[in-house]
Amino acid sequence: MMPHNMSTSSPFLTSEQLEFIRNRPRPAFTIGFRMMPRIFSFSLMWLLGILLQAIDRWRLAERRSKEVELEKTHAELSYLKLQINPHFLFNTLNNIYSLASAQHPQTPEAVMKLSEIMHYVTQDALADLVPLEKEVRYITNYIELQKMRSNDKLELNFTTSGNFSSSYIAPLLLISFVENAFKFGTSNHEKSLIDIHIHESNSVLFMHVRNSIFERPENSSASHIGISNARRRLALLYPGKYSLNVGKKDNIFNVDLKIELV
């Protein structure tokens, strides 16, 4: 309260009044107002810290998710490759047995080709990528073995062209289409046709397979497995870098494959 001896009618303040004004208590809101910039800065730093922690947690979760997805992809690819190896080894051994049983003069050559195939399947094919020339050599050996056990009713055309020494490819990727052609494109009683062409240009692989169709109910599921296997591996290994068209028309099965290689 103001001192009782203060005059309210005087236009001038006395020394006592001035002293009272200087020493009177300051309102609490003045102190709070001066603290606002500090409170704002603290709040901003606190929010920034929470945001950085959230970003770190999101990055960690994203990295773990990618690692899990990568491990899942590797596991699936390994499973798909395991499906291929025993299947083709069994077929090749069966081919050699057929030649040996018939005392075919080309049996020693077939054994050598089998040796190359087994080395490729059990050694080279363990890698994620192999030189394209090795994959083409594997295909060539397989076709040569099939030719040895085929009769004269089969019209077989196999050509390769391009530079196979400078590019790499996932192993055992092409064989499913070749094996499918021999499984459904040959007959012991009717004329049959198989065309296989592999071409490389500027690290792009083109493969065209064309064959007759002789339906065999006991093998239909195996065919679907082989083609589906190859399609799935292409999707995992070459996303956005391949095209695959498969279909049949007028009793002819066609495969057109294009892959952008490494």
Protein backbone atom coordinates (compact mmCIF):
# COMPACT_ATOMS: atom_id res chain seq x y z
CA MET A 1 0.00 0.00 0.00
CA MET A 2 1.10 3.59 -0.61
CA PRO A 3 2.27 5.57 2.55
CA HIS A 4 -0.52 7.56 4.22
CA ASN A 5 1.44 10.81 4.06
CA MET A 6 1.53 10.68 0.25
CA SER A 7 -0.57 13.49 -1.27
CA THR A 8 -2.73 12.42 -4.14
CA SER A 9 -3.43 16.00 -5.20
CA SER A 10 0.20 17.12 -5.74
CA PRO A 11 1.31 16.98 -9.37
CA PHE A 12 4.86 16.11 -8.27
CA LEU A 13 6.10 12.93 -6.60
CA THR A 14 7.91 13.25 -3.34
CA SER A 15 11.19 11.45 -2.62
CA GLU A 16 9.30 8.92 -0.49
CA GLN A 17 6.94 8.15 -3.37
CA LEU A 18 9.84 7.69 -5.81
CA GLU A 19 11.59 5.40 -3.35
CA PHE A 20 8.41 3.35 -2.94
CA ILE A 21 7.99 2.96 -6.70
CA ARG A 22 11.59 1.81 -7.14
CA ASN A 23 11.39 -0.73 -4.34
CA ARG A 24 7.86 -2.06 -4.81
CA PRO A 25 7.54 -5.82 -5.75
CA ARG A 26 7.66 -6.57 -9.49
CA PRO A 27 4.81 -8.61 -11.01
CA ALA A 28 5.51 -12.34 -11.41
CA PHE A 29 4.59 -12.29 -15.12
CA THR A 30 7.59 -10.06 -15.88
CA ILE A 31 10.00 -12.76 -14.70
CA GLY A 32 8.05 -15.44 -16.59
CA PHE A 33 8.13 -13.38 -19.78
CA ARG A 34 11.89 -13.05 -19.59
CA MET A 35 12.19 -16.85 -19.16
CA MET A 36 10.14 -17.63 -22.27
CA PRO A 37 13.08 -17.71 -24.77
CA ARG A 38 14.94 -20.20 -22.53
CA ILE A 39 11.86 -22.37 -22.13
CA PHE A 40 11.27 -22.29 -25.89
CA SER A 41 14.90 -23.24 -26.64
CA PHE A 42 14.78 -26.11 -24.17
CA SER A 43 11.52 -27.40 -25.62
CA LEU A 44 12.90 -27.18 -29.14
CA MET A 45 16.04 -29.13 -28.21
CA TRP A 46 13.92 -31.73 -26.41
CA LEU A 47 11.66 -32.21 -29.42
CA LEU A 48 14.67 -32.36 -31.73
CA GLY A 49 16.22 -35.08 -29.57
CA ILE A 50 13.03 -37.14 -29.67
CA LEU A 51 12.86 -36.71 -33.46
CA LEU A 52 16.47 -37.88 -33.91
CA GLN A 53 15.85 -40.91 -31.72
CA ALA A 54 12.76 -41.76 -33.78
CA ILE A 55 14.76 -41.45 -37.02
CA ASP A 56 17.52 -43.71 -35.62
CA ARG A 57 14.97 -46.32 -34.58
CA TRP A 58 13.30 -46.17 -38.00
CA ARG A 59 16.66 -46.60 -39.76
CA LEU A 60 17.54 -49.54 -37.53
CA ALA A 61 14.17 -51.18 -38.18
CA GLU A 62 14.53 -50.56 -41.92
CA ARG A 63 18.04 -52.07 -41.94
CA ARG A 64 16.88 -55.12 -40.01
CA SER A 65 13.94 -55.53 -42.37
CA LYS A 66 16.24 -55.45 -45.39
CA GLU A 67 18.62 -57.92 -43.76
CA VAL A 68 15.76 -60.31 -43.02
CA GLU A 69 14.45 -59.94 -46.59
CA LEU A 70 17.93 -60.54 -48.00
CA GLU A 71 18.40 -63.65 -45.87
CA LYS A 72 14.98 -64.87 -46.98
CA THR A 73 15.90 -64.29 -50.64
CA HIS A 74 19.21 -66.16 -50.27
CA ALA A 75 17.44 -69.03 -48.56
CA GLU A 76 14.84 -69.24 -51.32
CA LEU A 77 17.49 -69.11 -54.05
CA SER A 78 19.45 -71.86 -52.34
CA TYR A 79 16.31 -73.97 -52.14
CA LEU A 80 15.55 -73.40 -55.83
CA LYS A 81 19.10 -74.34 -56.78
CA LEU A 82 18.91 -77.50 -54.68
CA GLN A 83 15.80 -78.44 -56.61
CA ILE A 84 17.76 -78.18 -59.87
CA ASN A 85 20.98 -80.06 -59.13
CA PRO A 86 19.72 -83.58 -58.24
CA HIS A 87 17.11 -83.41 -60.98
CA PHE A 88 19.57 -82.80 -63.79
CA LEU A 89 22.21 -85.13 -62.44
CA PHE A 90 19.66 -87.93 -62.37
CA ASN A 91 18.57 -87.21 -65.95
CA THR A 92 22.16 -87.10 -67.19
CA LEU A 93 23.09 -90.36 -65.49
CA ASN A 94 20.01 -91.91 -67.02
CA ASN A 95 21.19 -90.73 -70.45
CA ILE A 96 24.61 -92.33 -69.94
CA TYR A 97 23.01 -95.58 -68.81
CA SER A 98 20.88 -95.66 -71.95
CA LEU A 99 23.95 -95.20 -74.15
CA ALA A 100 25.98 -97.80 -72.30
CA SER A 101 23.14 -100.34 -72.40
CA ALA A 102 22.96 -99.95 -76.17
CA GLN A 103 26.78 -100.18 -76.39
CA HIS A 104 26.78 -96.86 -78.20
CA PRO A 105 30.24 -95.94 -79.63
CA GLN A 106 29.90 -92.44 -78.24
CA THR A 107 29.65 -93.65 -74.65
CA PRO A 108 33.25 -92.56 -73.72
CA GLU A 109 32.54 -89.07 -75.09
CA ALA A 110 29.30 -88.99 -73.15
CA VAL A 111 31.15 -89.90 -69.95
CA MET A 112 33.54 -86.98 -70.53
CA LYS A 113 30.65 -84.60 -71.06
CA LEU A 114 29.00 -85.95 -67.92
CA SER A 115 32.23 -85.27 -66.03
CA GLU A 116 32.18 -81.64 -67.21
CA ILE A 117 28.52 -81.30 -66.29
CA MET A 118 29.06 -82.71 -62.81
CA HIS A 119 32.02 -80.40 -62.21
CA TYR A 120 29.95 -77.41 -63.26
CA VAL A 121 26.93 -78.38 -61.17
CA THR A 122 28.83 -79.38 -58.03
CA GLN A 123 31.61 -76.76 -58.14
CA ASP A 124 31.05 -73.75 -60.41
CA ALA A 125 27.31 -73.52 -59.80
CA LEU A 126 27.87 -72.97 -56.07
CA ALA A 127 28.83 -69.37 -56.84
CA ASP A 128 26.25 -66.61 -57.17
CA LEU A 129 27.51 -65.76 -60.66
CA VAL A 130 29.51 -67.69 -63.25
CA PRO A 131 31.07 -66.66 -66.57
CA LEU A 132 28.45 -66.82 -69.29
CA GLU A 133 30.72 -69.03 -71.39
CA LYS A 134 30.62 -71.72 -68.68
CA GLU A 135 26.83 -71.64 -68.56
CA VAL A 136 26.66 -71.91 -72.36
CA ARG A 137 29.20 -74.75 -72.28
CA TYR A 138 27.03 -76.56 -69.76
CA ILE A 139 24.00 -76.11 -72.01
CA THR A 140 26.02 -77.35 -75.00
CA ASN A 141 27.13 -80.51 -73.17
CA TYR A 142 23.59 -81.21 -72.08
CA ILE A 143 22.27 -80.85 -75.64
CA GLU A 144 25.05 -83.06 -77.01
CA LEU A 145 24.14 -85.79 -74.53
CA GLN A 146 20.47 -85.52 -75.48
CA LYS A 147 21.38 -85.69 -79.16
CA MET A 148 23.27 -88.95 -78.60
CA ARG A 149 20.19 -90.70 -77.27
CA SER A 150 17.72 -89.19 -79.76
CA ASN A 151 16.52 -90.90 -82.93
CA ASP A 152 16.44 -89.63 -86.48
CA LYS A 153 12.91 -88.31 -86.08
CA LEU A 154 14.24 -85.29 -84.15
CA GLU A 155 15.15 -82.14 -86.07
CA LEU A 156 17.49 -80.31 -83.70
CA ASN A 157 18.88 -76.84 -84.36
CA PHE A 158 21.20 -75.32 -81.78
CA THR A 159 23.16 -72.11 -82.38
CA THR A 160 25.12 -69.68 -80.23
CA SER A 161 26.58 -66.29 -81.09
CA GLY A 162 28.11 -63.30 -79.34
CA ASN A 163 30.85 -62.69 -76.80
CA PHE A 164 30.31 -65.07 -73.89
CA SER A 165 33.65 -64.39 -72.18
CA SER A 166 32.99 -60.91 -70.80
CA SER A 167 29.63 -61.37 -69.03
CA TYR A 168 28.41 -63.24 -65.96
CA ILE A 169 25.12 -64.97 -65.23
CA ALA A 170 23.42 -66.80 -62.36
CA PRO A 171 24.26 -70.51 -62.79
CA LEU A 172 21.72 -73.11 -63.93
CA LEU A 173 19.32 -70.38 -65.02
CA LEU A 174 18.82 -71.45 -68.64
CA ILE A 175 18.75 -75.22 -68.34
CA SER A 176 15.09 -75.47 -67.32
CA PHE A 177 13.96 -74.17 -70.72
CA VAL A 178 16.30 -76.55 -72.57
CA GLU A 179 15.32 -79.58 -70.55
CA ASN A 180 11.64 -78.73 -70.98
CA ALA A 181 12.13 -78.69 -74.79
CA PHE A 182 13.61 -82.20 -74.81
CA LYS A 183 11.07 -83.56 -72.35
CA PHE A 184 8.04 -82.44 -74.35
CA GLY A 185 9.50 -81.88 -77.81
CA THR A 186 10.68 -85.38 -78.73
CA SER A 187 8.91 -88.56 -79.74
CA ASN A 188 10.00 -92.08 -80.64
CA HIS A 189 7.30 -92.41 -83.26
CA GLU A 190 6.63 -88.96 -84.75
CA LYS A 191 8.75 -86.23 -86.26
CA SER A 192 9.69 -83.56 -83.76
CA LEU A 193 11.37 -80.19 -83.76
CA ILE A 194 13.62 -78.37 -81.28
CA ASP A 195 15.18 -74.98 -82.01
CA ILE A 196 17.49 -73.44 -79.39
CA HIS A 197 19.29 -70.16 -80.06
CA ILE A 198 21.44 -68.26 -77.55
CA HIS A 199 22.80 -64.85 -78.51
CA GLU A 200 24.74 -62.20 -76.57
CA SER A 201 25.01 -58.54 -77.57
CA ASN A 202 26.39 -55.71 -75.40
CA SER A 203 25.98 -57.74 -72.19
CA VAL A 204 22.38 -58.58 -73.04
CA LEU A 205 21.46 -62.25 -73.40
CA PHE A 206 18.76 -63.42 -75.78
CA MET A 207 17.47 -66.98 -75.70
CA HIS A 208 14.83 -68.44 -77.98
CA VAL A 209 13.53 -71.98 -77.57
CA ARG A 210 10.96 -73.52 -79.89
CA ASN A 211 9.79 -77.12 -79.73
CA SER A 212 7.01 -79.48 -80.68
CA ILE A 213 4.60 -80.55 -77.95
CA PHE A 214 3.99 -84.18 -77.11
CA GLU A 215 1.91 -84.20 -73.95
CA ARG A 216 3.04 -86.60 -71.26
CA PRO A 217 0.71 -86.49 -68.23
CA GLU A 218 3.30 -88.02 -65.92
CA ASN A 219 5.71 -85.14 -66.64
CA SER A 220 3.33 -82.19 -66.70
CA SER A 221 3.86 -81.27 -63.05
CA ALA A 222 7.64 -81.47 -63.43
CA SER A 223 7.47 -79.11 -66.39
CA HIS A 224 5.50 -76.56 -64.42
CA ILE A 225 7.98 -76.82 -61.56
CA GLY A 226 10.95 -76.25 -63.87
CA ILE A 227 9.48 -73.23 -65.65
CA SER A 228 8.11 -71.76 -62.40
CA ASN A 229 11.50 -72.29 -60.77
CA ALA A 230 13.27 -70.41 -63.57
CA ARG A 231 10.70 -67.61 -63.55
CA ARG A 232 11.01 -67.16 -59.78
CA ARG A 233 14.81 -67.08 -59.91
CA LEU A 234 14.69 -64.49 -62.69
CA ALA A 235 12.38 -62.32 -60.58
CA LEU A 236 14.71 -62.56 -57.58
CA LEU A 237 18.02 -62.18 -59.41
CA TYR A 238 17.16 -59.79 -62.24
CA PRO A 239 14.27 -57.57 -61.09
CA GLY A 240 13.41 -55.11 -63.83
CA LYS A 241 16.25 -56.44 -66.00
CA TYR A 242 14.64 -59.34 -67.80
CA SER A 243 11.65 -60.26 -69.93
CA LEU A 244 10.24 -63.76 -70.30
CA ASN A 245 7.48 -64.76 -72.69
CA VAL A 246 6.30 -68.36 -72.58
CA GLY A 247 3.40 -69.82 -74.53
CA LYS A 248 2.21 -72.38 -77.02
CA LYS A 249 0.52 -72.00 -80.38
CA ASP A 250 -0.32 -74.53 -83.09
CA ASN A 251 1.22 -77.34 -81.02
CA ILE A 252 4.51 -75.44 -80.75
CA PHE A 253 5.93 -74.26 -77.42
CA ASN A 254 7.88 -70.98 -77.50
CA VAL A 255 10.19 -69.34 -74.99
CA ASP A 256 11.65 -65.88 -75.51
CA LEU A 257 14.03 -64.69 -72.82
CA LYS A 258 16.02 -61.49 -72.52
CA ILE A 259 18.38 -60.72 -69.61
CA GLU A 260 20.55 -57.69 -68.92
CA LEU A 261 23.72 -59.35 -67.63
CA VAL A 262 26.47 -58.16 -65.31
